[in-house]
N, C-alpha and C. Protein backbone atom coordinates (compact mmCIF):
# COMPACT_ATOMS: atom_id res chain seq x y z
N MET A 1 0.86 -1.18 0.00
CA MET A 1 0.00 0.00 0.00
C MET A 1 0.90 1.24 0.00
N ASN A 2 0.64 2.15 -0.92
CA ASN A 2 1.46 3.34 -1.00
C ASN A 2 0.99 4.40 0.01
N LEU A 3 1.74 5.48 0.09
CA LEU A 3 1.46 6.53 1.07
C LEU A 3 0.08 7.13 0.91
N LEU A 4 -0.32 7.44 -0.32
CA LEU A 4 -1.63 8.03 -0.57
C LEU A 4 -2.75 7.12 -0.07
N GLU A 5 -2.65 5.84 -0.38
CA GLU A 5 -3.68 4.89 0.05
C GLU A 5 -3.75 4.79 1.57
N LYS A 6 -2.58 4.78 2.22
CA LYS A 6 -2.54 4.71 3.69
C LYS A 6 -3.21 5.93 4.31
N VAL A 7 -2.85 7.10 3.80
CA VAL A 7 -3.40 8.35 4.36
C VAL A 7 -4.90 8.41 4.12
N GLU A 8 -5.35 8.04 2.94
CA GLU A 8 -6.79 8.07 2.65
C GLU A 8 -7.54 7.07 3.52
N GLU A 9 -6.94 5.90 3.75
CA GLU A 9 -7.60 4.90 4.59
C GLU A 9 -7.70 5.37 6.05
N LEU A 10 -6.60 5.91 6.58
CA LEU A 10 -6.59 6.35 7.97
C LEU A 10 -7.43 7.60 8.21
N SER A 11 -7.43 8.50 7.24
CA SER A 11 -8.13 9.77 7.44
C SER A 11 -9.58 9.74 6.96
N GLY A 12 -9.88 8.86 6.02
CA GLY A 12 -11.21 8.84 5.44
C GLY A 12 -11.47 10.00 4.49
N GLN A 13 -10.40 10.64 4.02
CA GLN A 13 -10.51 11.81 3.15
C GLN A 13 -10.06 11.47 1.74
N ASN A 14 -10.67 12.13 0.76
CA ASN A 14 -10.24 12.02 -0.63
C ASN A 14 -9.29 13.17 -0.91
N LEU A 15 -8.00 12.88 -0.98
CA LEU A 15 -7.02 13.94 -1.18
C LEU A 15 -7.08 14.55 -2.57
N TYR A 16 -7.61 13.82 -3.53
CA TYR A 16 -7.74 14.36 -4.87
C TYR A 16 -8.83 15.43 -4.96
N ALA A 17 -9.64 15.57 -3.92
CA ALA A 17 -10.64 16.64 -3.91
C ALA A 17 -9.98 18.01 -3.77
N CYS A 18 -8.79 18.04 -3.17
CA CYS A 18 -8.06 19.30 -2.98
C CYS A 18 -7.54 19.79 -4.33
N TYR A 19 -7.89 21.03 -4.68
CA TYR A 19 -7.36 21.60 -5.93
C TYR A 19 -6.36 22.73 -5.66
N GLN A 20 -5.75 22.70 -4.48
CA GLN A 20 -4.62 23.58 -4.15
C GLN A 20 -4.96 25.06 -4.21
N CYS A 21 -6.11 25.44 -3.67
CA CYS A 21 -6.47 26.86 -3.67
C CYS A 21 -5.66 27.65 -2.62
N GLY A 22 -5.19 26.97 -1.57
CA GLY A 22 -4.36 27.61 -0.57
C GLY A 22 -5.11 28.27 0.56
N ARG A 23 -6.42 28.15 0.60
CA ARG A 23 -7.19 28.79 1.68
C ARG A 23 -6.87 28.18 3.03
N CYS A 24 -6.56 26.89 3.05
CA CYS A 24 -6.22 26.23 4.31
C CYS A 24 -4.94 26.84 4.89
N SER A 25 -3.97 27.05 4.04
CA SER A 25 -2.70 27.62 4.48
C SER A 25 -2.84 29.08 4.88
N ALA A 26 -3.69 29.81 4.17
CA ALA A 26 -3.89 31.23 4.47
C ALA A 26 -4.56 31.43 5.82
N GLY A 27 -5.37 30.49 6.26
CA GLY A 27 -6.09 30.66 7.51
C GLY A 27 -5.47 29.96 8.69
N CYS A 28 -4.40 29.22 8.48
CA CYS A 28 -3.80 28.44 9.57
C CYS A 28 -3.05 29.34 10.55
N PRO A 29 -3.40 29.26 11.85
CA PRO A 29 -2.71 30.09 12.83
C PRO A 29 -1.30 29.58 13.17
N MET A 30 -0.98 28.35 12.79
CA MET A 30 0.32 27.76 13.12
C MET A 30 1.29 27.72 11.94
N VAL A 31 0.90 28.30 10.82
CA VAL A 31 1.67 28.15 9.58
C VAL A 31 3.08 28.72 9.68
N GLU A 32 3.31 29.70 10.53
CA GLU A 32 4.65 30.29 10.64
C GLU A 32 5.66 29.32 11.24
N GLN A 33 5.19 28.34 12.02
CA GLN A 33 6.08 27.36 12.62
C GLN A 33 6.24 26.11 11.75
N MET A 34 5.45 25.97 10.72
CA MET A 34 5.46 24.77 9.89
C MET A 34 6.55 24.83 8.84
N ASP A 35 7.11 23.67 8.52
CA ASP A 35 8.09 23.60 7.45
C ASP A 35 7.42 23.39 6.09
N LEU A 36 6.20 22.88 6.08
CA LEU A 36 5.40 22.72 4.86
C LEU A 36 4.03 23.33 5.09
N LEU A 37 3.49 23.99 4.11
CA LEU A 37 2.13 24.51 4.22
C LEU A 37 1.15 23.34 4.15
N PRO A 38 -0.03 23.46 4.75
CA PRO A 38 -0.99 22.36 4.70
C PRO A 38 -1.33 21.89 3.29
N ASN A 39 -1.48 22.82 2.35
CA ASN A 39 -1.78 22.38 0.98
C ASN A 39 -0.58 21.68 0.34
N GLN A 40 0.64 22.04 0.75
CA GLN A 40 1.83 21.36 0.25
C GLN A 40 1.89 19.93 0.78
N VAL A 41 1.42 19.72 2.00
CA VAL A 41 1.39 18.38 2.57
C VAL A 41 0.52 17.47 1.71
N ILE A 42 -0.66 17.97 1.35
CA ILE A 42 -1.57 17.17 0.52
C ILE A 42 -0.92 16.87 -0.83
N LEU A 43 -0.29 17.85 -1.43
CA LEU A 43 0.36 17.65 -2.73
C LEU A 43 1.47 16.61 -2.64
N LEU A 44 2.28 16.66 -1.59
CA LEU A 44 3.37 15.69 -1.43
C LEU A 44 2.84 14.28 -1.19
N VAL A 45 1.75 14.17 -0.46
CA VAL A 45 1.15 12.85 -0.24
C VAL A 45 0.64 12.29 -1.55
N ILE A 46 -0.03 13.12 -2.34
CA ILE A 46 -0.53 12.67 -3.65
C ILE A 46 0.61 12.22 -4.55
N ARG A 47 1.73 12.93 -4.48
CA ARG A 47 2.89 12.57 -5.30
C ARG A 47 3.64 11.36 -4.75
N GLY A 48 3.31 10.94 -3.51
CA GLY A 48 3.97 9.78 -2.91
C GLY A 48 5.31 10.09 -2.30
N ASP A 49 5.57 11.35 -2.00
CA ASP A 49 6.84 11.77 -1.42
C ASP A 49 6.88 11.41 0.07
N GLN A 50 7.73 10.47 0.44
CA GLN A 50 7.81 9.98 1.82
C GLN A 50 8.39 11.01 2.78
N SER A 51 9.01 12.07 2.27
CA SER A 51 9.59 13.09 3.15
C SER A 51 8.52 13.79 3.98
N VAL A 52 7.27 13.76 3.53
CA VAL A 52 6.18 14.41 4.27
C VAL A 52 5.96 13.73 5.63
N VAL A 53 6.29 12.46 5.73
CA VAL A 53 6.13 11.74 7.00
C VAL A 53 7.15 12.25 8.03
N GLU A 54 8.30 12.70 7.54
CA GLU A 54 9.36 13.20 8.42
C GLU A 54 9.23 14.69 8.71
N ALA A 55 8.27 15.37 8.12
CA ALA A 55 8.11 16.82 8.29
C ALA A 55 7.60 17.16 9.69
N LYS A 56 7.82 18.41 10.09
CA LYS A 56 7.33 18.91 11.38
C LYS A 56 5.86 19.28 11.33
N THR A 57 5.36 19.60 10.17
CA THR A 57 4.01 20.14 10.01
C THR A 57 2.92 19.29 10.66
N PRO A 58 2.88 17.97 10.47
CA PRO A 58 1.80 17.21 11.12
C PRO A 58 1.82 17.30 12.64
N TRP A 59 2.99 17.51 13.21
CA TRP A 59 3.11 17.59 14.67
C TRP A 59 2.78 18.99 15.18
N ILE A 60 2.93 19.98 14.35
CA ILE A 60 2.64 21.36 14.76
C ILE A 60 1.16 21.68 14.61
N CYS A 61 0.48 20.97 13.74
CA CYS A 61 -0.94 21.20 13.50
C CYS A 61 -1.70 21.18 14.83
N ALA A 62 -2.43 22.24 15.09
CA ALA A 62 -3.17 22.37 16.35
C ALA A 62 -4.57 21.75 16.28
N GLU A 63 -4.93 21.24 15.11
CA GLU A 63 -6.26 20.67 14.88
C GLU A 63 -7.37 21.62 15.33
N CYS A 64 -7.22 22.86 14.93
CA CYS A 64 -8.21 23.88 15.26
C CYS A 64 -9.36 23.90 14.26
N TYR A 65 -9.21 23.17 13.16
CA TYR A 65 -10.21 23.04 12.10
C TYR A 65 -10.48 24.34 11.33
N GLN A 66 -9.59 25.30 11.45
CA GLN A 66 -9.70 26.52 10.65
C GLN A 66 -9.58 26.19 9.17
N CYS A 67 -8.69 25.25 8.86
CA CYS A 67 -8.49 24.85 7.46
C CYS A 67 -9.75 24.19 6.90
N PHE A 68 -10.39 23.36 7.70
CA PHE A 68 -11.60 22.67 7.26
C PHE A 68 -12.74 23.65 7.00
N THR A 69 -12.86 24.66 7.85
CA THR A 69 -13.94 25.62 7.67
C THR A 69 -13.72 26.50 6.44
N ARG A 70 -12.47 26.69 6.03
CA ARG A 70 -12.17 27.52 4.87
C ARG A 70 -12.17 26.73 3.55
N CYS A 71 -12.06 25.42 3.63
CA CYS A 71 -11.90 24.60 2.42
C CYS A 71 -13.20 24.55 1.62
N PRO A 72 -13.17 24.97 0.37
CA PRO A 72 -14.39 24.92 -0.45
C PRO A 72 -14.79 23.50 -0.83
N LYS A 73 -13.88 22.54 -0.73
CA LYS A 73 -14.16 21.15 -1.06
C LYS A 73 -14.36 20.29 0.19
N GLU A 74 -14.34 20.92 1.36
CA GLU A 74 -14.54 20.27 2.66
C GLU A 74 -13.57 19.10 2.89
N VAL A 75 -12.31 19.33 2.55
CA VAL A 75 -11.25 18.37 2.86
C VAL A 75 -10.81 18.63 4.30
N ASP A 76 -10.90 17.61 5.15
CA ASP A 76 -10.54 17.77 6.55
C ASP A 76 -9.05 17.52 6.72
N ILE A 77 -8.28 18.59 6.68
CA ILE A 77 -6.83 18.49 6.73
C ILE A 77 -6.35 18.04 8.11
N ALA A 78 -7.08 18.34 9.15
CA ALA A 78 -6.69 17.88 10.49
C ALA A 78 -6.68 16.35 10.54
N LYS A 79 -7.60 15.71 9.86
CA LYS A 79 -7.61 14.24 9.82
C LYS A 79 -6.43 13.71 9.01
N ILE A 80 -6.04 14.44 7.99
CA ILE A 80 -4.88 14.04 7.18
C ILE A 80 -3.61 14.16 8.02
N MET A 81 -3.49 15.24 8.78
CA MET A 81 -2.33 15.42 9.66
C MET A 81 -2.28 14.30 10.71
N GLU A 82 -3.42 13.94 11.25
CA GLU A 82 -3.48 12.86 12.23
C GLU A 82 -3.05 11.55 11.59
N ALA A 83 -3.46 11.29 10.36
CA ALA A 83 -3.06 10.08 9.65
C ALA A 83 -1.55 10.03 9.46
N LEU A 84 -0.94 11.18 9.13
CA LEU A 84 0.51 11.23 8.97
C LEU A 84 1.22 10.99 10.30
N ARG A 85 0.66 11.51 11.38
CA ARG A 85 1.25 11.24 12.71
C ARG A 85 1.16 9.75 13.03
N LEU A 86 0.03 9.13 12.72
CA LEU A 86 -0.12 7.70 12.98
C LEU A 86 0.87 6.87 12.17
N ILE A 87 1.08 7.24 10.92
CA ILE A 87 2.05 6.53 10.09
C ILE A 87 3.44 6.63 10.71
N LYS A 88 3.78 7.81 11.18
CA LYS A 88 5.09 8.02 11.82
C LYS A 88 5.19 7.22 13.12
N LEU A 89 4.13 7.26 13.94
CA LEU A 89 4.16 6.55 15.21
C LEU A 89 4.22 5.04 15.03
N ARG A 90 3.63 4.55 13.97
CA ARG A 90 3.65 3.11 13.71
C ARG A 90 5.03 2.60 13.34
N LYS A 91 5.94 3.51 13.06
CA LYS A 91 7.34 3.11 12.85
C LYS A 91 8.00 2.79 14.17
N ASN A 92 7.35 3.18 15.28
CA ASN A 92 7.77 2.82 16.64
C ASN A 92 9.14 3.38 17.01
N ILE A 93 9.36 4.65 16.71
CA ILE A 93 10.60 5.33 17.07
C ILE A 93 10.27 6.37 18.13
N ASP A 94 10.92 6.27 19.28
CA ASP A 94 10.70 7.24 20.35
C ASP A 94 11.70 8.38 20.21
N TYR A 95 11.20 9.61 20.24
CA TYR A 95 12.05 10.78 20.07
C TYR A 95 12.33 11.50 21.39
N ILE A 96 11.62 11.14 22.42
CA ILE A 96 11.88 11.76 23.72
C ILE A 96 12.10 10.67 24.75
N LYS A 97 12.88 10.98 25.74
CA LYS A 97 13.13 10.08 26.85
C LYS A 97 12.34 10.60 28.04
N LEU A 98 11.35 9.84 28.46
CA LEU A 98 10.47 10.32 29.53
C LEU A 98 11.23 10.52 30.85
N GLY A 99 12.29 9.75 31.06
CA GLY A 99 13.07 9.89 32.28
C GLY A 99 13.83 11.20 32.38
N GLU A 100 14.09 11.84 31.25
CA GLU A 100 14.83 13.09 31.23
C GLU A 100 13.96 14.31 31.50
N LEU A 101 12.65 14.13 31.48
CA LEU A 101 11.74 15.25 31.70
C LEU A 101 11.47 15.43 33.19
N LYS A 102 11.73 16.60 33.68
CA LYS A 102 11.54 16.90 35.09
C LYS A 102 10.87 18.26 35.23
N ASN A 103 10.19 18.45 36.33
CA ASN A 103 9.56 19.72 36.67
C ASN A 103 8.52 20.18 35.65
N LEU A 104 7.81 19.24 35.08
CA LEU A 104 6.73 19.57 34.17
C LEU A 104 5.41 19.14 34.79
N PRO A 105 4.33 19.84 34.49
CA PRO A 105 3.03 19.40 35.00
C PRO A 105 2.69 18.01 34.46
N GLN A 106 1.94 17.26 35.22
CA GLN A 106 1.60 15.90 34.84
C GLN A 106 0.87 15.85 33.50
N ILE A 107 -0.01 16.80 33.28
CA ILE A 107 -0.76 16.82 32.02
C ILE A 107 0.16 16.99 30.82
N ALA A 108 1.24 17.76 30.98
CA ALA A 108 2.20 17.93 29.88
C ALA A 108 2.94 16.63 29.60
N LEU A 109 3.28 15.91 30.64
CA LEU A 109 3.96 14.62 30.46
C LEU A 109 3.06 13.61 29.75
N VAL A 110 1.82 13.53 30.17
CA VAL A 110 0.89 12.58 29.56
C VAL A 110 0.63 12.94 28.10
N ALA A 111 0.36 14.22 27.83
CA ALA A 111 0.09 14.67 26.47
C ALA A 111 1.31 14.45 25.57
N GLY A 112 2.48 14.79 26.08
CA GLY A 112 3.70 14.59 25.30
C GLY A 112 3.98 13.13 25.04
N ALA A 113 3.76 12.29 26.04
CA ALA A 113 4.00 10.87 25.87
C ALA A 113 3.04 10.28 24.84
N ARG A 114 1.82 10.72 24.83
CA ARG A 114 0.86 10.21 23.85
C ARG A 114 1.16 10.69 22.45
N LYS A 115 1.66 11.89 22.34
CA LYS A 115 1.87 12.48 21.02
C LYS A 115 3.21 12.09 20.40
N TYR A 116 4.26 11.99 21.21
CA TYR A 116 5.59 11.85 20.65
C TYR A 116 6.24 10.47 20.82
N THR A 117 5.57 9.50 21.40
CA THR A 117 6.16 8.17 21.54
C THR A 117 5.34 7.14 20.79
N GLY A 118 6.00 6.12 20.37
CA GLY A 118 5.32 5.08 19.59
C GLY A 118 4.81 3.95 20.43
């Protein structure tokens, strides 16, 4: 199964519905911290570029659904970002060491552990 098929299966979205208008990227409050714009993520997935799985953008996405409300084709980009995070997590690579984290609120530890560990 290629990247596009995996993302479509996990997200339940038709990525070919996106015609790259850029409204999602224009309305995203987190776009300044992203290395790829949301519409670029969709384009790279369609092209089968595996580098999108290694990008920071899916992890920075706040899932505020601003992109979904602006999309004229009702493509839910937050679900696509979640699918990319799942693909990355299924590789089972841990990027943080929980033992090294100290003096953080418990909620931050739990949220970080759920988001950044496989």
